[in-house]
Amino acid sequence: MKKFISTIAIFICLQISAQTKEELMVQQTIEEFFIGFHAQDSIKIKSVVNDQIILQTIINEPDGSHKIKTDDFSDFLISISKIPSNMKFEEKIMDYSIQIDGPMATAWTKYKFWINGELSHCGVNSFQLLQESELWKIIYLIDTRRKEDCK
């Protein structure tokens, strides 16, 4: 009986490790995206995104309604490169919730965004990724932004 339980425990650990490895690969892709973002390095950012990436933000309107703003990826890269060198910015991911089904992954990441050491806003990123060969590439990114409840 002990051998049977040990065998099952080992099998479960191996299964968890396999899932964790894929989740870590997805997380590493997102981390590489932010390394490039913070370094204003468009080449690094491009290395982890699909050519057809879609970038969107949910905008909070003054009347309490919401709308979706779609950004052109090339314009995004240009805007990153134009951030003045004396401006420090950091988007810090607070946690990851990653789901994977075959070649598709989704990552829900809470974040806080600082400008020159002061909290600017917070929200959630929702990443969709596609496994291309052995690599995960970001195909879709949408985020929320708010200034309240950023504890």
N, C-alpha and C. Protein backbone atom coordinates (compact mmCIF):
# COMPACT_ATOMS: atom_id res chain seq x y z
N MET A 1 0.83 -1.21 0.00
CA MET A 1 0.00 0.00 0.00
C MET A 1 0.87 1.27 0.00
N LYS A 2 1.96 1.22 0.82
CA LYS A 2 2.84 2.39 0.87
C LYS A 2 3.47 2.68 -0.50
N LYS A 3 3.86 1.60 -1.20
CA LYS A 3 4.45 1.78 -2.54
C LYS A 3 3.44 2.41 -3.48
N PHE A 4 2.19 1.97 -3.38
CA PHE A 4 1.13 2.49 -4.25
C PHE A 4 0.92 3.98 -4.00
N ILE A 5 0.85 4.37 -2.73
CA ILE A 5 0.65 5.78 -2.37
C ILE A 5 1.86 6.60 -2.81
N SER A 6 3.07 6.07 -2.61
CA SER A 6 4.28 6.78 -3.04
C SER A 6 4.30 6.97 -4.54
N THR A 7 3.90 5.95 -5.28
CA THR A 7 3.86 6.04 -6.74
C THR A 7 2.87 7.10 -7.19
N ILE A 8 1.70 7.13 -6.58
CA ILE A 8 0.69 8.14 -6.91
C ILE A 8 1.21 9.53 -6.57
N ALA A 9 1.84 9.68 -5.41
CA ALA A 9 2.38 10.99 -5.01
C ALA A 9 3.43 11.47 -6.00
N ILE A 10 4.31 10.59 -6.44
CA ILE A 10 5.33 10.96 -7.42
C ILE A 10 4.67 11.36 -8.74
N PHE A 11 3.68 10.61 -9.17
CA PHE A 11 2.96 10.91 -10.41
C PHE A 11 2.30 12.29 -10.33
N ILE A 12 1.66 12.59 -9.22
CA ILE A 12 1.01 13.89 -9.03
C ILE A 12 2.04 15.01 -9.05
N CYS A 13 3.17 14.80 -8.38
CA CYS A 13 4.24 15.83 -8.38
C CYS A 13 4.76 16.07 -9.79
N LEU A 14 4.93 15.00 -10.56
CA LEU A 14 5.40 15.16 -11.93
C LEU A 14 4.38 15.92 -12.77
N GLN A 15 3.10 15.66 -12.57
CA GLN A 15 2.07 16.37 -13.30
C GLN A 15 2.07 17.86 -12.94
N ILE A 16 2.19 18.15 -11.66
CA ILE A 16 2.22 19.54 -11.21
C ILE A 16 3.45 20.25 -11.78
N SER A 17 4.60 19.57 -11.78
CA SER A 17 5.82 20.16 -12.32
C SER A 17 5.66 20.48 -13.80
N ALA A 18 5.03 19.58 -14.56
CA ALA A 18 4.83 19.82 -15.99
C ALA A 18 3.96 21.04 -16.21
N GLN A 19 2.91 21.17 -15.44
CA GLN A 19 2.03 22.34 -15.57
C GLN A 19 2.77 23.61 -15.16
N THR A 20 3.51 23.53 -14.09
CA THR A 20 4.23 24.68 -13.59
C THR A 20 5.28 25.15 -14.60
N LYS A 21 5.93 24.23 -15.28
CA LYS A 21 6.93 24.60 -16.28
C LYS A 21 6.30 25.46 -17.38
N GLU A 22 5.16 25.06 -17.91
CA GLU A 22 4.48 25.84 -18.95
C GLU A 22 4.03 27.19 -18.41
N GLU A 23 3.48 27.19 -17.20
CA GLU A 23 3.06 28.46 -16.60
C GLU A 23 4.26 29.40 -16.41
N LEU A 24 5.38 28.84 -16.00
CA LEU A 24 6.59 29.66 -15.84
C LEU A 24 7.06 30.22 -17.18
N MET A 25 6.91 29.44 -18.24
CA MET A 25 7.30 29.93 -19.57
C MET A 25 6.41 31.09 -20.00
N VAL A 26 5.12 31.00 -19.70
CA VAL A 26 4.19 32.10 -20.00
C VAL A 26 4.58 33.32 -19.17
N GLN A 27 4.83 33.11 -17.89
CA GLN A 27 5.22 34.21 -17.01
C GLN A 27 6.52 34.85 -17.49
N GLN A 28 7.48 34.05 -17.91
CA GLN A 28 8.75 34.59 -18.40
C GLN A 28 8.55 35.46 -19.64
N THR A 29 7.62 35.06 -20.50
CA THR A 29 7.32 35.87 -21.69
C THR A 29 6.83 37.25 -21.28
N ILE A 30 5.92 37.27 -20.31
CA ILE A 30 5.37 38.54 -19.83
C ILE A 30 6.46 39.36 -19.14
N GLU A 31 7.30 38.71 -18.36
CA GLU A 31 8.40 39.42 -17.70
C GLU A 31 9.36 40.02 -18.73
N GLU A 32 9.65 39.29 -19.80
CA GLU A 32 10.51 39.81 -20.87
C GLU A 32 9.88 41.04 -21.53
N PHE A 33 8.56 40.99 -21.71
CA PHE A 33 7.84 42.14 -22.26
C PHE A 33 8.10 43.37 -21.40
N PHE A 34 7.99 43.22 -20.07
CA PHE A 34 8.17 44.37 -19.18
C PHE A 34 9.64 44.78 -19.05
N ILE A 35 10.55 43.84 -19.18
CA ILE A 35 11.98 44.22 -19.21
C ILE A 35 12.21 45.14 -20.40
N GLY A 36 11.67 44.76 -21.55
CA GLY A 36 11.79 45.60 -22.74
C GLY A 36 11.08 46.93 -22.57
N PHE A 37 9.90 46.89 -21.97
CA PHE A 37 9.11 48.11 -21.73
C PHE A 37 9.89 49.09 -20.86
N HIS A 38 10.41 48.62 -19.73
CA HIS A 38 11.13 49.50 -18.82
C HIS A 38 12.45 50.01 -19.42
N ALA A 39 13.06 49.20 -20.28
CA ALA A 39 14.31 49.61 -20.93
C ALA A 39 14.05 50.41 -22.20
N GLN A 40 12.77 50.58 -22.55
CA GLN A 40 12.37 51.26 -23.79
C GLN A 40 13.02 50.59 -25.00
N ASP A 41 13.04 49.27 -24.95
CA ASP A 41 13.71 48.44 -25.95
C ASP A 41 12.68 47.76 -26.85
N SER A 42 12.41 48.37 -28.00
CA SER A 42 11.38 47.84 -28.89
C SER A 42 11.76 46.47 -29.46
N ILE A 43 13.04 46.21 -29.61
CA ILE A 43 13.47 44.90 -30.13
C ILE A 43 13.13 43.80 -29.14
N LYS A 44 13.38 44.04 -27.86
CA LYS A 44 13.05 43.04 -26.85
C LYS A 44 11.54 42.84 -26.77
N ILE A 45 10.78 43.92 -26.83
CA ILE A 45 9.32 43.81 -26.80
C ILE A 45 8.83 42.99 -27.99
N LYS A 46 9.33 43.31 -29.18
CA LYS A 46 8.93 42.59 -30.39
C LYS A 46 9.26 41.10 -30.32
N SER A 47 10.30 40.74 -29.56
CA SER A 47 10.72 39.34 -29.50
C SER A 47 9.72 38.45 -28.77
N VAL A 48 8.81 39.05 -28.00
CA VAL A 48 7.86 38.24 -27.23
C VAL A 48 6.41 38.46 -27.65
N VAL A 49 6.20 39.18 -28.75
CA VAL A 49 4.83 39.39 -29.22
C VAL A 49 4.67 38.83 -30.62
N ASN A 50 3.45 38.45 -30.93
CA ASN A 50 3.07 37.99 -32.26
C ASN A 50 2.95 39.21 -33.17
N ASP A 51 3.21 39.02 -34.46
CA ASP A 51 3.13 40.12 -35.43
C ASP A 51 1.75 40.77 -35.49
N GLN A 52 0.72 40.04 -35.08
CA GLN A 52 -0.65 40.56 -35.17
C GLN A 52 -1.21 40.97 -33.81
N ILE A 53 -0.33 41.32 -32.88
CA ILE A 53 -0.77 41.66 -31.52
C ILE A 53 -1.81 42.78 -31.54
N ILE A 54 -2.76 42.67 -30.62
CA ILE A 54 -3.79 43.68 -30.42
C ILE A 54 -3.60 44.25 -29.02
N LEU A 55 -3.55 45.58 -28.92
CA LEU A 55 -3.41 46.27 -27.64
C LEU A 55 -4.66 47.11 -27.38
N GLN A 56 -5.26 46.90 -26.22
CA GLN A 56 -6.45 47.67 -25.87
C GLN A 56 -6.41 48.08 -24.41
N THR A 57 -7.13 49.15 -24.11
CA THR A 57 -7.29 49.65 -22.75
C THR A 57 -8.76 49.95 -22.52
N ILE A 58 -9.24 49.63 -21.34
CA ILE A 58 -10.60 50.02 -20.96
C ILE A 58 -10.50 51.39 -20.30
N ILE A 59 -11.14 52.36 -20.91
CA ILE A 59 -11.11 53.75 -20.44
C ILE A 59 -12.32 54.02 -19.56
N ASN A 60 -12.07 54.63 -18.41
CA ASN A 60 -13.14 55.05 -17.51
C ASN A 60 -13.55 56.47 -17.88
N GLU A 61 -14.79 56.62 -18.28
CA GLU A 61 -15.31 57.94 -18.66
C GLU A 61 -15.78 58.69 -17.41
N PRO A 62 -15.76 60.03 -17.45
CA PRO A 62 -16.20 60.83 -16.29
C PRO A 62 -17.63 60.52 -15.84
N ASP A 63 -18.49 60.10 -16.77
CA ASP A 63 -19.88 59.81 -16.40
C ASP A 63 -20.06 58.41 -15.82
N GLY A 64 -18.94 57.68 -15.62
CA GLY A 64 -19.01 56.34 -15.04
C GLY A 64 -19.10 55.22 -16.08
N SER A 65 -19.26 55.57 -17.33
CA SER A 65 -19.31 54.55 -18.38
C SER A 65 -17.87 54.16 -18.77
N HIS A 66 -17.78 53.16 -19.61
CA HIS A 66 -16.47 52.66 -20.04
C HIS A 66 -16.46 52.49 -21.55
N LYS A 67 -15.30 52.66 -22.13
CA LYS A 67 -15.15 52.37 -23.55
C LYS A 67 -13.79 51.71 -23.77
N ILE A 68 -13.63 51.10 -24.92
CA ILE A 68 -12.39 50.42 -25.25
C ILE A 68 -11.59 51.28 -26.22
N LYS A 69 -10.32 51.48 -25.89
CA LYS A 69 -9.40 52.21 -26.76
C LYS A 69 -8.42 51.19 -27.33
N THR A 70 -8.29 51.14 -28.65
CA THR A 70 -7.35 50.25 -29.31
C THR A 70 -6.14 51.05 -29.76
N ASP A 71 -4.96 50.55 -29.41
CA ASP A 71 -3.71 51.21 -29.79
C ASP A 71 -3.02 50.43 -30.89
N ASP A 72 -2.46 51.14 -31.84
CA ASP A 72 -1.64 50.53 -32.87
C ASP A 72 -0.30 50.14 -32.22
N PHE A 73 0.15 48.92 -32.46
CA PHE A 73 1.38 48.44 -31.82
C PHE A 73 2.59 49.30 -32.19
N SER A 74 2.69 49.70 -33.44
CA SER A 74 3.82 50.55 -33.86
C SER A 74 3.80 51.88 -33.11
N ASP A 75 2.60 52.46 -32.94
CA ASP A 75 2.48 53.72 -32.19
C ASP A 75 2.88 53.51 -30.73
N PHE A 76 2.51 52.36 -30.17
CA PHE A 76 2.89 52.03 -28.79
C PHE A 76 4.41 52.02 -28.66
N LEU A 77 5.09 51.35 -29.59
CA LEU A 77 6.55 51.28 -29.54
C LEU A 77 7.18 52.67 -29.67
N ILE A 78 6.63 53.49 -30.54
CA ILE A 78 7.15 54.86 -30.71
C ILE A 78 6.95 55.66 -29.42
N SER A 79 5.77 55.52 -28.81
CA SER A 79 5.50 56.28 -27.57
C SER A 79 6.44 55.85 -26.45
N ILE A 80 6.77 54.58 -26.38
CA ILE A 80 7.71 54.10 -25.37
C ILE A 80 9.09 54.73 -25.59
N SER A 81 9.51 54.78 -26.83
CA SER A 81 10.85 55.32 -27.13
C SER A 81 10.94 56.82 -26.86
N LYS A 82 9.80 57.51 -26.83
CA LYS A 82 9.80 58.96 -26.63
C LYS A 82 9.70 59.38 -25.16
N ILE A 83 9.61 58.42 -24.25
CA ILE A 83 9.57 58.77 -22.83
C ILE A 83 10.92 59.37 -22.46
N PRO A 84 10.93 60.57 -21.88
CA PRO A 84 12.20 61.23 -21.55
C PRO A 84 13.05 60.38 -20.59
N SER A 85 14.36 60.45 -20.76
CA SER A 85 15.26 59.64 -19.93
C SER A 85 15.23 60.05 -18.46
N ASN A 86 14.80 61.27 -18.17
CA ASN A 86 14.73 61.69 -16.77
C ASN A 86 13.42 61.25 -16.10
N MET A 87 12.54 60.60 -16.85
CA MET A 87 11.29 60.10 -16.27
C MET A 87 11.45 58.62 -15.96
N LYS A 88 11.30 58.28 -14.68
CA LYS A 88 11.37 56.89 -14.25
C LYS A 88 9.95 56.34 -14.22
N PHE A 89 9.74 55.20 -14.86
CA PHE A 89 8.43 54.58 -14.83
C PHE A 89 8.60 53.09 -14.58
N GLU A 90 7.67 52.53 -13.85
CA GLU A 90 7.73 51.10 -13.55
C GLU A 90 6.32 50.55 -13.41
N GLU A 91 6.05 49.51 -14.16
CA GLU A 91 4.82 48.75 -13.97
C GLU A 91 5.22 47.47 -13.26
N LYS A 92 4.74 47.33 -12.04
CA LYS A 92 5.10 46.17 -11.23
C LYS A 92 3.92 45.20 -11.18
N ILE A 93 4.17 43.98 -11.62
CA ILE A 93 3.13 42.95 -11.57
C ILE A 93 3.05 42.43 -10.14
N MET A 94 1.85 42.43 -9.60
CA MET A 94 1.65 42.04 -8.21
C MET A 94 1.41 40.53 -8.07
N ASP A 95 0.76 39.93 -9.05
CA ASP A 95 0.58 38.48 -9.05
C ASP A 95 0.14 38.00 -10.42
N TYR A 96 0.25 36.70 -10.61
CA TYR A 96 -0.11 36.07 -11.88
C TYR A 96 -1.16 35.00 -11.63
N SER A 97 -2.14 34.94 -12.52
CA SER A 97 -3.07 33.83 -12.58
C SER A 97 -3.05 33.35 -14.03
N ILE A 98 -2.48 32.17 -14.25
CA ILE A 98 -2.24 31.69 -15.60
C ILE A 98 -3.05 30.42 -15.86
N GLN A 99 -3.71 30.40 -17.00
CA GLN A 99 -4.46 29.23 -17.45
C GLN A 99 -3.93 28.84 -18.82
N ILE A 100 -3.77 27.54 -19.05
CA ILE A 100 -3.24 27.07 -20.33
C ILE A 100 -4.12 25.94 -20.86
N ASP A 101 -4.41 26.00 -22.16
CA ASP A 101 -5.08 24.91 -22.85
C ASP A 101 -4.38 24.71 -24.19
N GLY A 102 -3.54 23.71 -24.26
CA GLY A 102 -2.80 23.44 -25.49
C GLY A 102 -1.95 24.63 -25.88
N PRO A 103 -2.16 25.18 -27.08
CA PRO A 103 -1.32 26.28 -27.56
C PRO A 103 -1.78 27.67 -27.12
N MET A 104 -2.82 27.73 -26.28
CA MET A 104 -3.34 29.03 -25.85
C MET A 104 -3.18 29.18 -24.35
N ALA A 105 -2.80 30.39 -23.95
CA ALA A 105 -2.68 30.70 -22.52
C ALA A 105 -3.30 32.06 -22.26
N THR A 106 -3.79 32.22 -21.06
CA THR A 106 -4.26 33.52 -20.61
C THR A 106 -3.60 33.81 -19.27
N ALA A 107 -3.21 35.05 -19.08
CA ALA A 107 -2.61 35.46 -17.82
C ALA A 107 -3.32 36.72 -17.33
N TRP A 108 -3.80 36.67 -16.12
CA TRP A 108 -4.47 37.78 -15.46
C TRP A 108 -3.46 38.32 -14.46
N THR A 109 -3.03 39.56 -14.63
CA THR A 109 -1.98 40.10 -13.77
C THR A 109 -2.41 41.43 -13.17
N LYS A 110 -2.50 41.47 -11.86
CA LYS A 110 -2.73 42.75 -11.18
C LYS A 110 -1.42 43.53 -11.21
N TYR A 111 -1.53 44.85 -11.35
CA TYR A 111 -0.31 45.65 -11.41
C TYR A 111 -0.50 46.98 -10.71
N LYS A 112 0.65 47.61 -10.42
CA LYS A 112 0.71 48.99 -9.97
C LYS A 112 1.72 49.71 -10.85
N PHE A 113 1.41 50.96 -11.18
CA PHE A 113 2.26 51.72 -12.09
C PHE A 113 2.77 52.97 -11.38
N TRP A 114 4.10 53.12 -11.35
CA TRP A 114 4.73 54.26 -10.70
C TRP A 114 5.40 55.15 -11.74
N ILE A 115 5.32 56.45 -11.52
CA ILE A 115 6.05 57.43 -12.31
C ILE A 115 6.88 58.26 -11.34
N ASN A 116 8.18 58.28 -11.57
CA ASN A 116 9.12 59.01 -10.71
C ASN A 116 8.92 58.67 -9.24
N GLY A 117 8.72 57.40 -8.96
CA GLY A 117 8.61 56.92 -7.59
C GLY A 117 7.26 57.10 -6.93
N GLU A 118 6.31 57.71 -7.62
CA GLU A 118 4.97 57.91 -7.06
C GLU A 118 3.96 57.04 -7.77
N LEU A 119 3.06 56.45 -7.00
CA LEU A 119 2.02 55.60 -7.58
C LEU A 119 1.12 56.44 -8.48
N SER A 120 1.03 56.07 -9.75
CA SER A 120 0.21 56.77 -10.72
C SER A 120 -1.18 56.14 -10.80
N HIS A 121 -1.21 54.81 -10.95
CA HIS A 121 -2.48 54.10 -11.07
C HIS A 121 -2.22 52.60 -10.89
N CYS A 122 -3.30 51.85 -10.89
CA CYS A 122 -3.21 50.40 -10.79
C CYS A 122 -4.30 49.80 -11.67
N GLY A 123 -4.33 48.50 -11.73
CA GLY A 123 -5.35 47.83 -12.53
C GLY A 123 -4.99 46.38 -12.77
N VAL A 124 -5.52 45.87 -13.86
CA VAL A 124 -5.30 44.48 -14.24
C VAL A 124 -4.94 44.43 -15.72
N ASN A 125 -3.98 43.58 -16.05
CA ASN A 125 -3.67 43.25 -17.44
C ASN A 125 -4.27 41.87 -17.72
N SER A 126 -4.81 41.71 -18.90
CA SER A 126 -5.23 40.39 -19.36
C SER A 126 -4.45 40.09 -20.63
N PHE A 127 -3.55 39.13 -20.54
CA PHE A 127 -2.72 38.71 -21.67
C PHE A 127 -3.30 37.44 -22.28
N GLN A 128 -3.32 37.38 -23.59
CA GLN A 128 -3.60 36.15 -24.30
C GLN A 128 -2.33 35.80 -25.06
N LEU A 129 -1.93 34.55 -24.97
CA LEU A 129 -0.69 34.13 -25.61
C LEU A 129 -0.92 32.89 -26.48
N LEU A 130 -0.08 32.76 -27.48
CA LEU A 130 -0.12 31.63 -28.40
C LEU A 130 1.25 30.98 -28.36
N GLN A 131 1.26 29.65 -28.28
CA GLN A 131 2.53 28.94 -28.31
C GLN A 131 2.94 28.75 -29.77
N GLU A 132 4.05 29.35 -30.13
CA GLU A 132 4.60 29.26 -31.47
C GLU A 132 5.88 28.46 -31.37
N SER A 133 5.87 27.25 -31.91
CA SER A 133 6.98 26.31 -31.73
C SER A 133 7.13 26.08 -30.23
N GLU A 134 8.26 26.40 -29.68
CA GLU A 134 8.47 26.21 -28.24
C GLU A 134 8.29 27.50 -27.44
N LEU A 135 8.00 28.60 -28.13
CA LEU A 135 7.92 29.90 -27.46
C LEU A 135 6.48 30.36 -27.29
N TRP A 136 6.22 31.09 -26.22
CA TRP A 136 4.93 31.74 -26.02
C TRP A 136 5.04 33.17 -26.50
N LYS A 137 4.06 33.60 -27.30
CA LYS A 137 4.04 34.96 -27.83
C LYS A 137 2.73 35.63 -27.43
N ILE A 138 2.81 36.89 -27.06
CA ILE A 138 1.63 37.66 -26.67
C ILE A 138 0.87 38.04 -27.94
N ILE A 139 -0.41 37.69 -27.99
CA ILE A 139 -1.23 38.02 -29.16
C ILE A 139 -2.27 39.10 -28.84
N TYR A 140 -2.55 39.30 -27.55
CA TYR A 140 -3.59 40.25 -27.16
C TYR A 140 -3.31 40.73 -25.75
N LEU A 141 -3.44 42.02 -25.54
CA LEU A 141 -3.26 42.61 -24.21
C LEU A 141 -4.31 43.69 -24.02
N ILE A 142 -5.07 43.55 -22.96
CA ILE A 142 -6.04 44.58 -22.58
C ILE A 142 -5.82 44.87 -21.10
N ASP A 143 -5.98 46.13 -20.72
CA ASP A 143 -5.78 46.49 -19.32
C ASP A 143 -6.86 47.43 -18.83
N THR A 144 -6.98 47.47 -17.50
CA THR A 144 -7.82 48.46 -16.84
C THR A 144 -6.88 49.41 -16.11
N ARG A 145 -7.37 50.61 -15.82
CA ARG A 145 -6.57 51.60 -15.11
C ARG A 145 -7.48 52.35 -14.15
N ARG A 146 -7.01 52.47 -12.91
CA ARG A 146 -7.76 53.24 -11.93
C ARG A 146 -6.80 53.89 -10.95
N LYS A 147 -7.26 54.93 -10.29
CA LYS A 147 -6.42 55.63 -9.32
C LYS A 147 -6.85 55.32 -7.88
N GLU A 148 -8.02 54.74 -7.72
CA GLU A 148 -8.49 54.41 -6.37
C GLU A 148 -8.35 52.91 -6.11
N ASP A 149 -8.38 52.54 -4.83
CA ASP A 149 -8.26 51.14 -4.41
C ASP A 149 -7.00 50.48 -4.94
N CYS A 150 -5.88 51.16 -4.80
CA CYS A 150 -4.61 50.61 -5.28
C CYS A 150 -3.74 50.13 -4.11
N LYS A 151 -4.36 49.66 -3.07
CA LYS A 151 -3.61 49.23 -1.86
C LYS A 151 -2.66 48.09 -2.17
